[in-house]
Amino acid sequence: MKEQLLERFRADGFWLLDLYELPTDYIDVKEADPAQDLIRRIEKAVSGDPDMILIKANVYDICYSKLRDAGYRVIDERIPFPGSGQQGVFRDKFQRALQQCNP
């Protein structure tokens, strides 16, 4: 079910990239530069000039400025992960972010 949902998501023209390729149990996160690694993976995987929405507040904190400074169009909306009671806030902020994207 999850695989089918992600395939539909991609077929609709969206990409979902995790900040880290591996679980953080396998990475020395203090030594890693996740934003730079994400930029490298974006350059390999994504074509064109996509709008980017960063999900999870700490991902926004780590990546927003670096992605923007690298020339990417990143929506300036700090969106919490949709768990731990944050589902309503996530829905509202994600909707606002989507409205800022180019059609």
N, C-alpha and C. Protein backbone atom coordinates (compact mmCIF):
# COMPACT_ATOMS: atom_id res chain seq x y z
N MET A 1 0.82 -1.20 0.00
CA MET A 1 0.00 0.00 0.00
C MET A 1 0.87 1.26 0.00
N LYS A 2 1.86 1.34 0.90
CA LYS A 2 2.73 2.50 0.98
C LYS A 2 3.51 2.67 -0.33
N GLU A 3 3.99 1.57 -0.90
CA GLU A 3 4.74 1.63 -2.15
C GLU A 3 3.87 2.18 -3.28
N GLN A 4 2.62 1.75 -3.34
CA GLN A 4 1.69 2.24 -4.37
C GLN A 4 1.42 3.74 -4.19
N LEU A 5 1.27 4.16 -2.96
CA LEU A 5 1.04 5.58 -2.68
C LEU A 5 2.23 6.42 -3.13
N LEU A 6 3.44 5.95 -2.83
CA LEU A 6 4.64 6.69 -3.24
C LEU A 6 4.81 6.71 -4.76
N GLU A 7 4.45 5.62 -5.42
CA GLU A 7 4.50 5.58 -6.89
C GLU A 7 3.51 6.58 -7.48
N ARG A 8 2.32 6.66 -6.92
CA ARG A 8 1.33 7.63 -7.39
C ARG A 8 1.82 9.05 -7.14
N PHE A 9 2.42 9.26 -6.00
CA PHE A 9 2.98 10.56 -5.63
C PHE A 9 4.00 11.00 -6.68
N ARG A 10 4.89 10.08 -7.07
CA ARG A 10 5.91 10.39 -8.07
C ARG A 10 5.28 10.56 -9.45
N ALA A 11 4.31 9.73 -9.78
CA ALA A 11 3.62 9.84 -11.07
C ALA A 11 2.92 11.19 -11.21
N ASP A 12 2.50 11.75 -10.09
CA ASP A 12 1.86 13.07 -10.10
C ASP A 12 2.88 14.21 -10.16
N GLY A 13 4.17 13.86 -10.23
CA GLY A 13 5.21 14.87 -10.40
C GLY A 13 5.88 15.33 -9.12
N PHE A 14 5.69 14.60 -8.04
CA PHE A 14 6.28 14.97 -6.76
C PHE A 14 7.43 14.04 -6.41
N TRP A 15 8.35 14.53 -5.63
CA TRP A 15 9.48 13.74 -5.14
C TRP A 15 9.49 13.81 -3.62
N LEU A 16 9.86 12.72 -3.00
CA LEU A 16 10.02 12.67 -1.55
C LEU A 16 11.43 12.20 -1.28
N LEU A 17 12.24 13.08 -0.71
CA LEU A 17 13.62 12.73 -0.37
C LEU A 17 13.80 12.91 1.13
N ASP A 18 14.34 11.89 1.78
CA ASP A 18 14.66 12.00 3.20
C ASP A 18 15.93 12.82 3.36
N LEU A 19 16.05 13.48 4.49
CA LEU A 19 17.25 14.27 4.77
C LEU A 19 18.47 13.35 4.80
N TYR A 20 18.34 12.21 5.43
CA TYR A 20 19.43 11.24 5.49
C TYR A 20 19.05 10.02 4.67
N GLU A 21 19.99 9.49 3.89
CA GLU A 21 19.72 8.28 3.11
C GLU A 21 19.62 7.05 3.99
N LEU A 22 20.37 7.04 5.09
CA LEU A 22 20.39 5.91 6.01
C LEU A 22 19.78 6.34 7.34
N PRO A 23 19.27 5.39 8.11
CA PRO A 23 18.82 5.75 9.46
C PRO A 23 19.96 6.39 10.25
N THR A 24 19.64 7.34 11.08
CA THR A 24 20.68 8.08 11.80
C THR A 24 21.47 7.19 12.76
N ASP A 25 20.99 5.98 13.03
CA ASP A 25 21.76 5.03 13.84
C ASP A 25 23.08 4.68 13.15
N TYR A 26 23.12 4.81 11.82
CA TYR A 26 24.28 4.40 11.03
C TYR A 26 25.15 5.58 10.59
N ILE A 27 24.83 6.78 11.03
CA ILE A 27 25.53 7.98 10.59
C ILE A 27 26.02 8.75 11.81
N ASP A 28 27.20 9.31 11.70
CA ASP A 28 27.65 10.24 12.72
C ASP A 28 27.08 11.61 12.34
N VAL A 29 25.90 11.92 12.87
CA VAL A 29 25.20 13.13 12.44
C VAL A 29 25.96 14.40 12.80
N LYS A 30 26.85 14.34 13.76
CA LYS A 30 27.64 15.52 14.09
C LYS A 30 28.70 15.80 13.03
N GLU A 31 29.13 14.77 12.33
CA GLU A 31 30.14 14.92 11.28
C GLU A 31 29.52 15.15 9.90
N ALA A 32 28.29 14.74 9.72
CA ALA A 32 27.65 14.82 8.41
C ALA A 32 27.18 16.24 8.12
N ASP A 33 27.11 16.57 6.83
CA ASP A 33 26.49 17.82 6.39
C ASP A 33 25.26 17.41 5.59
N PRO A 34 24.14 17.19 6.27
CA PRO A 34 22.97 16.63 5.59
C PRO A 34 22.43 17.54 4.49
N ALA A 35 22.52 18.85 4.66
CA ALA A 35 22.00 19.74 3.62
C ALA A 35 22.82 19.60 2.34
N GLN A 36 24.13 19.53 2.47
CA GLN A 36 24.97 19.39 1.28
C GLN A 36 24.75 18.04 0.62
N ASP A 37 24.59 17.01 1.41
CA ASP A 37 24.29 15.69 0.86
C ASP A 37 22.94 15.69 0.15
N LEU A 38 21.95 16.37 0.73
CA LEU A 38 20.64 16.47 0.10
C LEU A 38 20.73 17.20 -1.23
N ILE A 39 21.48 18.27 -1.29
CA ILE A 39 21.68 19.01 -2.55
C ILE A 39 22.28 18.09 -3.61
N ARG A 40 23.26 17.30 -3.23
CA ARG A 40 23.88 16.36 -4.17
C ARG A 40 22.84 15.37 -4.70
N ARG A 41 22.02 14.85 -3.82
CA ARG A 41 21.00 13.88 -4.25
C ARG A 41 19.91 14.53 -5.10
N ILE A 42 19.55 15.77 -4.79
CA ILE A 42 18.57 16.49 -5.61
C ILE A 42 19.11 16.66 -7.02
N GLU A 43 20.37 17.04 -7.13
CA GLU A 43 20.98 17.24 -8.46
C GLU A 43 20.97 15.96 -9.29
N LYS A 44 21.10 14.82 -8.63
CA LYS A 44 21.09 13.53 -9.34
C LYS A 44 19.67 13.08 -9.71
N ALA A 45 18.71 13.33 -8.83
CA ALA A 45 17.39 12.73 -8.97
C ALA A 45 16.34 13.61 -9.66
N VAL A 46 16.44 14.90 -9.47
CA VAL A 46 15.34 15.79 -9.86
C VAL A 46 15.77 16.68 -11.01
N SER A 47 14.92 16.76 -12.03
CA SER A 47 15.21 17.66 -13.14
C SER A 47 14.32 18.89 -13.05
N GLY A 48 14.73 19.91 -13.76
CA GLY A 48 13.95 21.14 -13.78
C GLY A 48 14.22 22.00 -12.55
N ASP A 49 13.30 22.89 -12.28
CA ASP A 49 13.42 23.84 -11.17
C ASP A 49 12.22 23.67 -10.24
N PRO A 50 12.23 22.62 -9.42
CA PRO A 50 11.04 22.32 -8.62
C PRO A 50 10.88 23.26 -7.43
N ASP A 51 9.65 23.41 -7.00
CA ASP A 51 9.38 24.04 -5.71
C ASP A 51 9.66 22.99 -4.66
N MET A 52 10.20 23.41 -3.53
CA MET A 52 10.52 22.47 -2.46
C MET A 52 9.80 22.86 -1.18
N ILE A 53 9.21 21.87 -0.55
CA ILE A 53 8.58 22.05 0.75
C ILE A 53 9.32 21.15 1.73
N LEU A 54 9.85 21.74 2.77
CA LEU A 54 10.59 20.99 3.78
C LEU A 54 9.65 20.61 4.91
N ILE A 55 9.60 19.32 5.22
CA ILE A 55 8.70 18.84 6.26
C ILE A 55 9.53 18.37 7.45
N LYS A 56 9.22 18.90 8.57
CA LYS A 56 9.80 18.66 9.88
C LYS A 56 10.61 19.91 10.22
N ALA A 57 10.34 20.46 11.37
CA ALA A 57 10.94 21.74 11.75
C ALA A 57 12.46 21.69 11.73
N ASN A 58 13.07 20.61 12.22
CA ASN A 58 14.53 20.59 12.25
C ASN A 58 15.12 20.43 10.85
N VAL A 59 14.39 19.79 9.92
CA VAL A 59 14.85 19.71 8.53
C VAL A 59 14.84 21.11 7.93
N TYR A 60 13.78 21.87 8.19
CA TYR A 60 13.71 23.26 7.73
C TYR A 60 14.91 24.05 8.29
N ASP A 61 15.17 23.91 9.59
CA ASP A 61 16.25 24.65 10.22
C ASP A 61 17.61 24.32 9.61
N ILE A 62 17.82 23.06 9.28
CA ILE A 62 19.10 22.61 8.73
C ILE A 62 19.25 22.99 7.26
N CYS A 63 18.16 22.93 6.50
CA CYS A 63 18.28 22.97 5.03
C CYS A 63 17.77 24.23 4.34
N TYR A 64 16.85 24.95 4.93
CA TYR A 64 16.21 26.04 4.20
C TYR A 64 17.22 27.02 3.60
N SER A 65 18.07 27.59 4.42
CA SER A 65 19.02 28.60 3.92
C SER A 65 20.00 28.02 2.91
N LYS A 66 20.49 26.82 3.17
CA LYS A 66 21.47 26.23 2.26
C LYS A 66 20.85 25.90 0.90
N LEU A 67 19.64 25.39 0.89
CA LEU A 67 18.97 25.11 -0.38
C LEU A 67 18.67 26.41 -1.12
N ARG A 68 18.16 27.40 -0.41
CA ARG A 68 17.87 28.69 -1.02
C ARG A 68 19.14 29.33 -1.58
N ASP A 69 20.21 29.30 -0.80
CA ASP A 69 21.47 29.87 -1.25
C ASP A 69 22.06 29.13 -2.44
N ALA A 70 21.71 27.85 -2.59
CA ALA A 70 22.17 27.06 -3.74
C ALA A 70 21.31 27.31 -4.98
N GLY A 71 20.31 28.18 -4.85
CA GLY A 71 19.50 28.57 -5.99
C GLY A 71 18.18 27.84 -6.14
N TYR A 72 17.82 27.04 -5.16
CA TYR A 72 16.55 26.32 -5.24
C TYR A 72 15.41 27.18 -4.72
N ARG A 73 14.23 26.95 -5.26
CA ARG A 73 13.03 27.65 -4.79
C ARG A 73 12.45 26.82 -3.65
N VAL A 74 12.67 27.30 -2.44
CA VAL A 74 12.22 26.59 -1.24
C VAL A 74 11.12 27.44 -0.59
N ILE A 75 10.01 26.82 -0.35
CA ILE A 75 8.88 27.52 0.26
C ILE A 75 9.23 27.83 1.72
N ASP A 76 9.08 29.09 2.09
CA ASP A 76 9.45 29.55 3.43
C ASP A 76 8.30 29.31 4.40
N GLU A 77 8.15 28.05 4.76
CA GLU A 77 7.10 27.64 5.72
C GLU A 77 7.69 26.54 6.59
N ARG A 78 7.81 26.80 7.88
CA ARG A 78 8.39 25.83 8.83
C ARG A 78 7.27 24.90 9.30
N ILE A 79 7.25 23.68 8.74
CA ILE A 79 6.15 22.74 8.93
C ILE A 79 6.58 21.62 9.89
N PRO A 80 5.80 21.38 10.95
CA PRO A 80 6.16 20.30 11.86
C PRO A 80 5.84 18.94 11.24
N PHE A 81 6.50 17.90 11.75
CA PHE A 81 6.16 16.54 11.34
C PHE A 81 4.74 16.24 11.80
N PRO A 82 3.94 15.56 10.97
CA PRO A 82 2.52 15.35 11.32
C PRO A 82 2.30 14.22 12.31
N GLY A 83 2.93 14.31 13.45
CA GLY A 83 2.74 13.32 14.50
C GLY A 83 2.70 14.02 15.84
N SER A 84 2.51 13.26 16.88
CA SER A 84 2.53 13.78 18.25
C SER A 84 1.58 14.96 18.43
N GLY A 85 0.40 14.87 17.84
CA GLY A 85 -0.59 15.92 18.01
C GLY A 85 -0.43 17.10 17.08
N GLN A 86 0.51 17.04 16.15
CA GLN A 86 0.77 18.16 15.24
C GLN A 86 0.03 18.04 13.90
N GLN A 87 -0.89 17.08 13.78
CA GLN A 87 -1.54 16.83 12.49
C GLN A 87 -2.28 18.06 11.97
N GLY A 88 -3.01 18.76 12.83
CA GLY A 88 -3.75 19.95 12.40
C GLY A 88 -2.84 21.06 11.95
N VAL A 89 -1.78 21.31 12.72
CA VAL A 89 -0.80 22.34 12.35
C VAL A 89 -0.13 21.96 11.03
N PHE A 90 0.23 20.67 10.90
CA PHE A 90 0.84 20.19 9.66
C PHE A 90 -0.09 20.47 8.48
N ARG A 91 -1.35 20.09 8.60
CA ARG A 91 -2.32 20.27 7.52
C ARG A 91 -2.42 21.73 7.10
N ASP A 92 -2.54 22.63 8.07
CA ASP A 92 -2.68 24.06 7.78
C ASP A 92 -1.43 24.62 7.10
N LYS A 93 -0.27 24.32 7.66
CA LYS A 93 0.97 24.87 7.11
C LYS A 93 1.32 24.24 5.76
N PHE A 94 1.04 22.95 5.60
CA PHE A 94 1.31 22.30 4.32
C PHE A 94 0.41 22.88 3.24
N GLN A 95 -0.84 23.12 3.56
CA GLN A 95 -1.78 23.74 2.61
C GLN A 95 -1.27 25.13 2.21
N ARG A 96 -0.81 25.91 3.18
CA ARG A 96 -0.26 27.24 2.89
C ARG A 96 0.96 27.13 1.99
N ALA A 97 1.82 26.16 2.25
CA ALA A 97 3.01 25.95 1.42
C ALA A 97 2.62 25.58 0.00
N LEU A 98 1.65 24.69 -0.15
CA LEU A 98 1.20 24.29 -1.49
C LEU A 98 0.67 25.48 -2.28
N GLN A 99 0.00 26.40 -1.62
CA GLN A 99 -0.55 27.58 -2.29
C GLN A 99 0.56 28.49 -2.81
N GLN A 100 1.75 28.39 -2.25
CA GLN A 100 2.87 29.23 -2.69
C GLN A 100 3.64 28.61 -3.85
N CYS A 101 3.36 27.36 -4.15
CA CYS A 101 4.08 26.66 -5.23
C CYS A 101 3.59 27.13 -6.60
N ASN A 102 4.51 27.12 -7.56
CA ASN A 102 4.14 27.42 -8.94
C ASN A 102 3.34 26.25 -9.50
N PRO A 103 2.30 26.54 -10.27
CA PRO A 103 1.48 25.45 -10.82
C PRO A 103 2.24 24.63 -11.85
